[in-house]
Amino acid sequence: MAKVEIYVQDFCPYCARAVSLFQKKGVPFEEIYAPHGSAARKQAIERSGGRTTVPQVFIDGRHIGGSDDLMALDRKGGLDPLLAG
């Protein structure tokens, strides 16, 4: 199974949507709390190539993007193969 990391913050509906997708798929993931101004948020920005919003999703170290990117990848059938490792 692939390693999934999600940078999130409180009261973020897009974060909740991304988390919910992985929960529905039964995929374990690491939720990294990254509120604005935190060291974790800075790390997410660096890892994502400058994206400042959350969530930011990584699968096996590969940047997937935010919630909309994740949902589009799933709709195209590209998410499950990445999750399989």
N, C-alpha and C. Protein backbone atom coordinates (compact mmCIF):
# COMPACT_ATOMS: atom_id res chain seq x y z
N MET A 1 0.85 -1.18 0.00
CA MET A 1 0.00 0.00 0.00
C MET A 1 0.89 1.24 0.00
N ALA A 2 0.48 2.24 -0.73
CA ALA A 2 1.23 3.48 -0.85
C ALA A 2 1.18 4.30 0.44
N LYS A 3 2.19 5.13 0.63
CA LYS A 3 2.20 6.06 1.77
C LYS A 3 1.49 7.34 1.35
N VAL A 4 0.42 7.69 2.08
CA VAL A 4 -0.37 8.87 1.77
C VAL A 4 -0.21 9.88 2.89
N GLU A 5 0.12 11.13 2.50
CA GLU A 5 0.25 12.23 3.45
C GLU A 5 -0.68 13.35 3.00
N ILE A 6 -1.39 13.93 3.97
CA ILE A 6 -2.30 15.03 3.66
C ILE A 6 -2.04 16.16 4.65
N TYR A 7 -1.66 17.32 4.14
CA TYR A 7 -1.51 18.51 4.98
C TYR A 7 -2.88 19.17 5.10
N VAL A 8 -3.33 19.41 6.34
CA VAL A 8 -4.67 19.92 6.59
C VAL A 8 -4.65 21.04 7.64
N GLN A 9 -5.80 21.71 7.77
CA GLN A 9 -6.01 22.64 8.87
C GLN A 9 -7.47 22.52 9.32
N ASP A 10 -7.76 23.08 10.48
CA ASP A 10 -9.12 23.04 11.02
C ASP A 10 -10.09 23.82 10.14
N PHE A 11 -11.36 23.40 10.18
CA PHE A 11 -12.46 24.11 9.51
C PHE A 11 -12.24 24.28 8.01
N CYS A 12 -11.67 23.28 7.39
CA CYS A 12 -11.36 23.31 5.96
C CYS A 12 -12.21 22.24 5.26
N PRO A 13 -13.26 22.65 4.54
CA PRO A 13 -14.12 21.66 3.88
C PRO A 13 -13.39 20.87 2.80
N TYR A 14 -12.40 21.48 2.16
CA TYR A 14 -11.64 20.78 1.13
C TYR A 14 -10.76 19.69 1.75
N CYS A 15 -10.21 20.00 2.93
CA CYS A 15 -9.43 18.99 3.67
C CYS A 15 -10.33 17.82 4.05
N ALA A 16 -11.52 18.15 4.55
CA ALA A 16 -12.46 17.10 4.96
C ALA A 16 -12.85 16.22 3.78
N ARG A 17 -13.00 16.83 2.61
CA ARG A 17 -13.36 16.07 1.41
C ARG A 17 -12.25 15.10 1.01
N ALA A 18 -11.00 15.55 1.07
CA ALA A 18 -9.87 14.68 0.73
C ALA A 18 -9.74 13.54 1.73
N VAL A 19 -9.83 13.86 3.01
CA VAL A 19 -9.75 12.85 4.06
C VAL A 19 -10.87 11.82 3.89
N SER A 20 -12.07 12.31 3.61
CA SER A 20 -13.23 11.42 3.44
C SER A 20 -13.02 10.44 2.29
N LEU A 21 -12.43 10.89 1.20
CA LEU A 21 -12.19 10.01 0.06
C LEU A 21 -11.28 8.85 0.46
N PHE A 22 -10.19 9.15 1.15
CA PHE A 22 -9.28 8.09 1.57
C PHE A 22 -9.93 7.16 2.59
N GLN A 23 -10.75 7.72 3.48
CA GLN A 23 -11.47 6.89 4.44
C GLN A 23 -12.43 5.95 3.74
N LYS A 24 -13.16 6.45 2.74
CA LYS A 24 -14.10 5.61 1.98
C LYS A 24 -13.39 4.49 1.26
N LYS A 25 -12.18 4.77 0.79
CA LYS A 25 -11.40 3.76 0.07
C LYS A 25 -10.69 2.81 1.03
N GLY A 26 -10.73 3.12 2.34
CA GLY A 26 -10.07 2.27 3.32
C GLY A 26 -8.56 2.38 3.28
N VAL A 27 -8.07 3.53 2.85
CA VAL A 27 -6.63 3.74 2.69
C VAL A 27 -6.08 4.46 3.93
N PRO A 28 -5.07 3.87 4.57
CA PRO A 28 -4.46 4.58 5.69
C PRO A 28 -3.70 5.81 5.19
N PHE A 29 -3.70 6.86 5.99
CA PHE A 29 -3.01 8.08 5.60
C PHE A 29 -2.50 8.80 6.83
N GLU A 30 -1.50 9.64 6.61
CA GLU A 30 -0.97 10.48 7.68
C GLU A 30 -1.54 11.87 7.48
N GLU A 31 -2.24 12.36 8.48
CA GLU A 31 -2.83 13.69 8.45
C GLU A 31 -1.87 14.62 9.18
N ILE A 32 -1.33 15.60 8.47
CA ILE A 32 -0.35 16.52 9.04
C ILE A 32 -1.04 17.87 9.25
N TYR A 33 -1.17 18.25 10.51
CA TYR A 33 -1.83 19.50 10.85
C TYR A 33 -0.93 20.66 10.46
N ALA A 34 -1.41 21.52 9.55
CA ALA A 34 -0.58 22.58 8.98
C ALA A 34 -1.34 23.90 8.90
N PRO A 35 -1.63 24.51 10.07
CA PRO A 35 -2.32 25.80 10.03
C PRO A 35 -1.42 26.88 9.45
N HIS A 36 -2.05 27.96 8.99
CA HIS A 36 -1.31 29.08 8.40
C HIS A 36 -0.21 29.55 9.35
N GLY A 37 1.00 29.73 8.81
CA GLY A 37 2.13 30.22 9.59
C GLY A 37 2.92 29.17 10.33
N SER A 38 2.50 27.92 10.28
CA SER A 38 3.20 26.86 11.01
C SER A 38 4.37 26.30 10.20
N ALA A 39 5.25 25.61 10.89
CA ALA A 39 6.38 24.95 10.23
C ALA A 39 5.88 23.89 9.25
N ALA A 40 4.82 23.19 9.64
CA ALA A 40 4.26 22.17 8.74
C ALA A 40 3.71 22.80 7.47
N ARG A 41 3.09 23.97 7.58
CA ARG A 41 2.55 24.65 6.39
C ARG A 41 3.70 25.07 5.48
N LYS A 42 4.78 25.57 6.07
CA LYS A 42 5.96 25.94 5.29
C LYS A 42 6.50 24.72 4.54
N GLN A 43 6.54 23.58 5.23
CA GLN A 43 7.01 22.34 4.60
C GLN A 43 6.09 21.95 3.44
N ALA A 44 4.78 22.08 3.63
CA ALA A 44 3.82 21.75 2.57
C ALA A 44 4.03 22.65 1.36
N ILE A 45 4.26 23.92 1.60
CA ILE A 45 4.49 24.88 0.51
C ILE A 45 5.75 24.51 -0.26
N GLU A 46 6.81 24.18 0.47
CA GLU A 46 8.07 23.78 -0.18
C GLU A 46 7.90 22.50 -0.99
N ARG A 47 7.26 21.51 -0.39
CA ARG A 47 7.10 20.21 -1.06
C ARG A 47 6.18 20.29 -2.27
N SER A 48 5.22 21.22 -2.24
CA SER A 48 4.24 21.31 -3.32
C SER A 48 4.65 22.27 -4.43
N GLY A 49 5.83 22.81 -4.33
CA GLY A 49 6.29 23.72 -5.38
C GLY A 49 5.68 25.11 -5.27
N GLY A 50 5.30 25.51 -4.05
CA GLY A 50 4.83 26.86 -3.84
C GLY A 50 3.33 27.01 -3.61
N ARG A 51 2.59 25.92 -3.63
CA ARG A 51 1.15 26.02 -3.37
C ARG A 51 0.93 26.34 -1.90
N THR A 52 0.09 27.34 -1.65
CA THR A 52 -0.09 27.84 -0.29
C THR A 52 -1.38 27.38 0.38
N THR A 53 -2.22 26.65 -0.34
CA THR A 53 -3.50 26.21 0.22
C THR A 53 -3.41 24.79 0.76
N VAL A 54 -4.39 24.44 1.57
CA VAL A 54 -4.54 23.06 2.02
C VAL A 54 -5.90 22.57 1.56
N PRO A 55 -6.05 21.27 1.37
CA PRO A 55 -5.05 20.26 1.62
C PRO A 55 -4.00 20.21 0.51
N GLN A 56 -2.87 19.64 0.84
CA GLN A 56 -1.89 19.24 -0.15
C GLN A 56 -1.67 17.75 0.08
N VAL A 57 -1.82 16.98 -0.98
CA VAL A 57 -1.79 15.52 -0.89
C VAL A 57 -0.54 14.99 -1.58
N PHE A 58 0.10 14.03 -0.92
CA PHE A 58 1.28 13.36 -1.46
C PHE A 58 1.07 11.85 -1.35
N ILE A 59 1.39 11.15 -2.42
CA ILE A 59 1.33 9.69 -2.43
C ILE A 59 2.72 9.18 -2.78
N ASP A 60 3.30 8.43 -1.86
CA ASP A 60 4.69 7.94 -2.01
C ASP A 60 5.63 9.09 -2.37
N GLY A 61 5.43 10.23 -1.73
CA GLY A 61 6.30 11.39 -1.94
C GLY A 61 5.97 12.21 -3.17
N ARG A 62 5.08 11.72 -4.00
CA ARG A 62 4.69 12.43 -5.24
C ARG A 62 3.56 13.41 -4.92
N HIS A 63 3.73 14.65 -5.34
CA HIS A 63 2.71 15.66 -5.09
C HIS A 63 1.52 15.43 -6.02
N ILE A 64 0.35 15.25 -5.42
CA ILE A 64 -0.88 15.05 -6.18
C ILE A 64 -1.60 16.37 -6.38
N GLY A 65 -1.53 17.23 -5.38
CA GLY A 65 -2.19 18.53 -5.45
C GLY A 65 -3.19 18.69 -4.33
N GLY A 66 -4.16 19.55 -4.57
CA GLY A 66 -5.19 19.82 -3.58
C GLY A 66 -6.40 18.91 -3.77
N SER A 67 -7.48 19.29 -3.13
CA SER A 67 -8.70 18.49 -3.14
C SER A 67 -9.25 18.32 -4.56
N ASP A 68 -9.34 19.40 -5.32
CA ASP A 68 -9.88 19.31 -6.68
C ASP A 68 -9.01 18.41 -7.56
N ASP A 69 -7.70 18.53 -7.40
CA ASP A 69 -6.77 17.68 -8.16
C ASP A 69 -6.96 16.21 -7.81
N LEU A 70 -7.11 15.95 -6.52
CA LEU A 70 -7.31 14.58 -6.04
C LEU A 70 -8.60 13.99 -6.60
N MET A 71 -9.68 14.75 -6.54
CA MET A 71 -10.97 14.27 -7.04
C MET A 71 -10.94 14.03 -8.55
N ALA A 72 -10.28 14.91 -9.27
CA ALA A 72 -10.17 14.74 -10.73
C ALA A 72 -9.36 13.49 -11.06
N LEU A 73 -8.29 13.26 -10.31
CA LEU A 73 -7.48 12.06 -10.53
C LEU A 73 -8.30 10.80 -10.26
N ASP A 74 -9.12 10.83 -9.22
CA ASP A 74 -9.97 9.68 -8.90
C ASP A 74 -11.02 9.45 -9.99
N ARG A 75 -11.64 10.53 -10.48
CA ARG A 75 -12.65 10.41 -11.53
C ARG A 75 -12.07 9.81 -12.81
N LYS A 76 -10.80 10.13 -13.11
CA LYS A 76 -10.14 9.61 -14.31
C LYS A 76 -9.64 8.18 -14.13
N GLY A 77 -9.76 7.66 -12.90
CA GLY A 77 -9.27 6.31 -12.64
C GLY A 77 -7.80 6.22 -12.35
N GLY A 78 -7.16 7.36 -12.10
CA GLY A 78 -5.73 7.36 -11.87
C GLY A 78 -5.30 7.23 -10.42
N LEU A 79 -6.24 7.37 -9.49
CA LEU A 79 -5.87 7.34 -8.08
C LEU A 79 -5.61 5.92 -7.57
N ASP A 80 -6.50 5.00 -7.88
CA ASP A 80 -6.37 3.63 -7.35
C ASP A 80 -5.04 2.97 -7.72
N PRO A 81 -4.55 3.12 -8.96
CA PRO A 81 -3.25 2.53 -9.28
C PRO A 81 -2.11 3.12 -8.43
N LEU A 82 -2.19 4.42 -8.14
CA LEU A 82 -1.15 5.03 -7.29
C LEU A 82 -1.22 4.49 -5.86
N LEU A 83 -2.44 4.29 -5.39
CA LEU A 83 -2.62 3.78 -4.03
C LEU A 83 -2.17 2.33 -3.88
N ALA A 84 -2.25 1.59 -4.96
CA ALA A 84 -1.83 0.19 -4.93
C ALA A 84 -0.32 0.05 -4.77
N GLY A 85 0.39 1.14 -5.08
CA GLY A 85 1.85 1.13 -4.91
C GLY A 85 2.48 0.61 -6.13
